[in-house]
Amino acid sequence: MASIAGLGKIGLPRLSENMDPEDARALRNYLYQMQEQLQYVLCNLDTENFSEELRGRFSGSLGKEET
């Protein structure tokens, strides 16, 4: 199963040496911004944003770990 902890390990793809350096820089900046936004969103999810079913599943699994 994927985890939020693995987001920091996602690397940028190698860009072709034939690509215009300005385009490569713009693409790299865009990808960094997207990764930062995704990491922020996933790290700041609140249970209010979960469905009742998912909240119940989390509550059930948390209860099992404590016993």
C-alpha atoms as a PDB file:
ATOM      1  CA  MET A   1       0.000   0.000   0.000  1.00  0.00           C
ATOM      2  CA  ALA A   2       1.292   3.474  -0.843  1.00  0.00           C
ATOM      3  CA  SER A   3       2.006   5.876   1.971  1.00  0.00           C
ATOM      4  CA  ILE A   4       2.445   9.598   2.409  1.00  0.00           C
ATOM      5  CA  ALA A   5       5.978   9.002   3.673  1.00  0.00           C
ATOM      6  CA  GLY A   6       7.008   7.893   0.190  1.00  0.00           C
ATOM      7  CA  LEU A   7       6.123  11.215  -1.441  1.00  0.00           C
ATOM      8  CA  GLY A   8       9.490  12.743  -0.652  1.00  0.00           C
ATOM      9  CA  LYS A   9      11.207   9.938  -2.533  1.00  0.00           C
ATOM     10  CA  ILE A  10       9.452  10.660  -5.836  1.00  0.00           C
ATOM     11  CA  GLY A  11      12.070  11.890  -8.269  1.00  0.00           C
ATOM     12  CA  LEU A  12      11.746  14.062 -11.314  1.00  0.00           C
ATOM     13  CA  PRO A  13      12.060  12.356 -14.662  1.00  0.00           C
ATOM     14  CA  ARG A  14      15.189  12.934 -16.695  1.00  0.00           C
ATOM     15  CA  LEU A  15      14.506  15.559 -19.319  1.00  0.00           C
ATOM     16  CA  SER A  16      15.957  15.330 -22.790  1.00  0.00           C
ATOM     17  CA  GLU A  17      19.138  17.287 -23.407  1.00  0.00           C
ATOM     18  CA  ASN A  18      17.451  18.530 -26.578  1.00  0.00           C
ATOM     19  CA  MET A  19      14.756  20.284 -24.567  1.00  0.00           C
ATOM     20  CA  ASP A  20      14.984  24.045 -24.367  1.00  0.00           C
ATOM     21  CA  PRO A  21      16.580  24.900 -20.961  1.00  0.00           C
ATOM     22  CA  GLU A  22      13.904  27.501 -20.224  1.00  0.00           C
ATOM     23  CA  ASP A  23      11.129  24.970 -20.898  1.00  0.00           C
ATOM     24  CA  ALA A  24      12.904  22.372 -18.764  1.00  0.00           C
ATOM     25  CA  ARG A  25      13.225  24.858 -15.898  1.00  0.00           C
ATOM     26  CA  ALA A  26       9.535  25.792 -16.151  1.00  0.00           C
ATOM     27  CA  LEU A  27       8.499  22.124 -16.202  1.00  0.00           C
ATOM     28  CA  ARG A  28      10.733  21.303 -13.240  1.00  0.00           C
ATOM     29  CA  ASN A  29       9.324  24.230 -11.230  1.00  0.00           C
ATOM     30  CA  TYR A  30       5.786  23.152 -12.045  1.00  0.00           C
ATOM     31  CA  LEU A  31       6.444  19.570 -10.955  1.00  0.00           C
ATOM     32  CA  TYR A  32       8.032  20.715  -7.685  1.00  0.00           C
ATOM     33  CA  GLN A  33       4.999  22.897  -6.966  1.00  0.00           C
ATOM     34  CA  MET A  34       2.624  20.028  -7.708  1.00  0.00           C
ATOM     35  CA  GLN A  35       4.571  17.700  -5.411  1.00  0.00           C
ATOM     36  CA  GLU A  36       4.562  20.279  -2.602  1.00  0.00           C
ATOM     37  CA  GLN A  37       0.820  20.859  -2.976  1.00  0.00           C
ATOM     38  CA  LEU A  38       0.087  17.137  -2.993  1.00  0.00           C
ATOM     39  CA  GLN A  39       2.223  16.578   0.081  1.00  0.00           C
ATOM     40  CA  TYR A  40       0.505  19.465   1.900  1.00  0.00           C
ATOM     41  CA  VAL A  41      -2.986  18.226   1.042  1.00  0.00           C
ATOM     42  CA  LEU A  42      -2.297  14.634   2.032  1.00  0.00           C
ATOM     43  CA  CYS A  43      -0.580  15.604   5.282  1.00  0.00           C
ATOM     44  CA  ASN A  44      -3.408  17.938   6.297  1.00  0.00           C
ATOM     45  CA  LEU A  45      -6.448  15.770   5.682  1.00  0.00           C
ATOM     46  CA  ASP A  46      -8.922  15.968   8.528  1.00  0.00           C
ATOM     47  CA  THR A  47     -11.405  13.243   9.370  1.00  0.00           C
ATOM     48  CA  GLU A  48     -14.205  15.672   8.452  1.00  0.00           C
ATOM     49  CA  ASN A  49     -13.130  15.156   4.831  1.00  0.00           C
ATOM     50  CA  PHE A  50     -13.600  11.377   5.022  1.00  0.00           C
ATOM     51  CA  SER A  51     -16.797   9.491   4.280  1.00  0.00           C
ATOM     52  CA  GLU A  52     -18.656   7.898   7.178  1.00  0.00           C
ATOM     53  CA  GLU A  53     -17.557   4.479   5.928  1.00  0.00           C
ATOM     54  CA  LEU A  54     -13.879   5.411   5.859  1.00  0.00           C
ATOM     55  CA  ARG A  55     -14.065   7.059   9.280  1.00  0.00           C
ATOM     56  CA  GLY A  56     -15.610   3.861  10.623  1.00  0.00           C
ATOM     57  CA  ARG A  57     -12.868   1.768   9.061  1.00  0.00           C
ATOM     58  CA  PHE A  58     -10.182   3.986  10.610  1.00  0.00           C
ATOM     59  CA  SER A  59     -11.903   3.903  13.992  1.00  0.00           C
ATOM     60  CA  GLY A  60     -12.130   0.120  13.806  1.00  0.00           C
ATOM     61  CA  SER A  61      -8.492  -0.329  12.874  1.00  0.00           C
ATOM     62  CA  LEU A  62      -7.352   2.082  15.581  1.00  0.00           C
ATOM     63  CA  GLY A  63      -9.324   0.151  18.168  1.00  0.00           C
ATOM     64  CA  LYS A  64      -7.714  -3.125  17.081  1.00  0.00           C
ATOM     65  CA  GLU A  65      -4.193  -1.714  17.411  1.00  0.00           C
ATOM     66  CA  GLU A  66      -4.798  -0.552  20.967  1.00  0.00           C
ATOM     67  CA  THR A  67      -5.849  -3.990  22.237  1.00  0.00           C
END
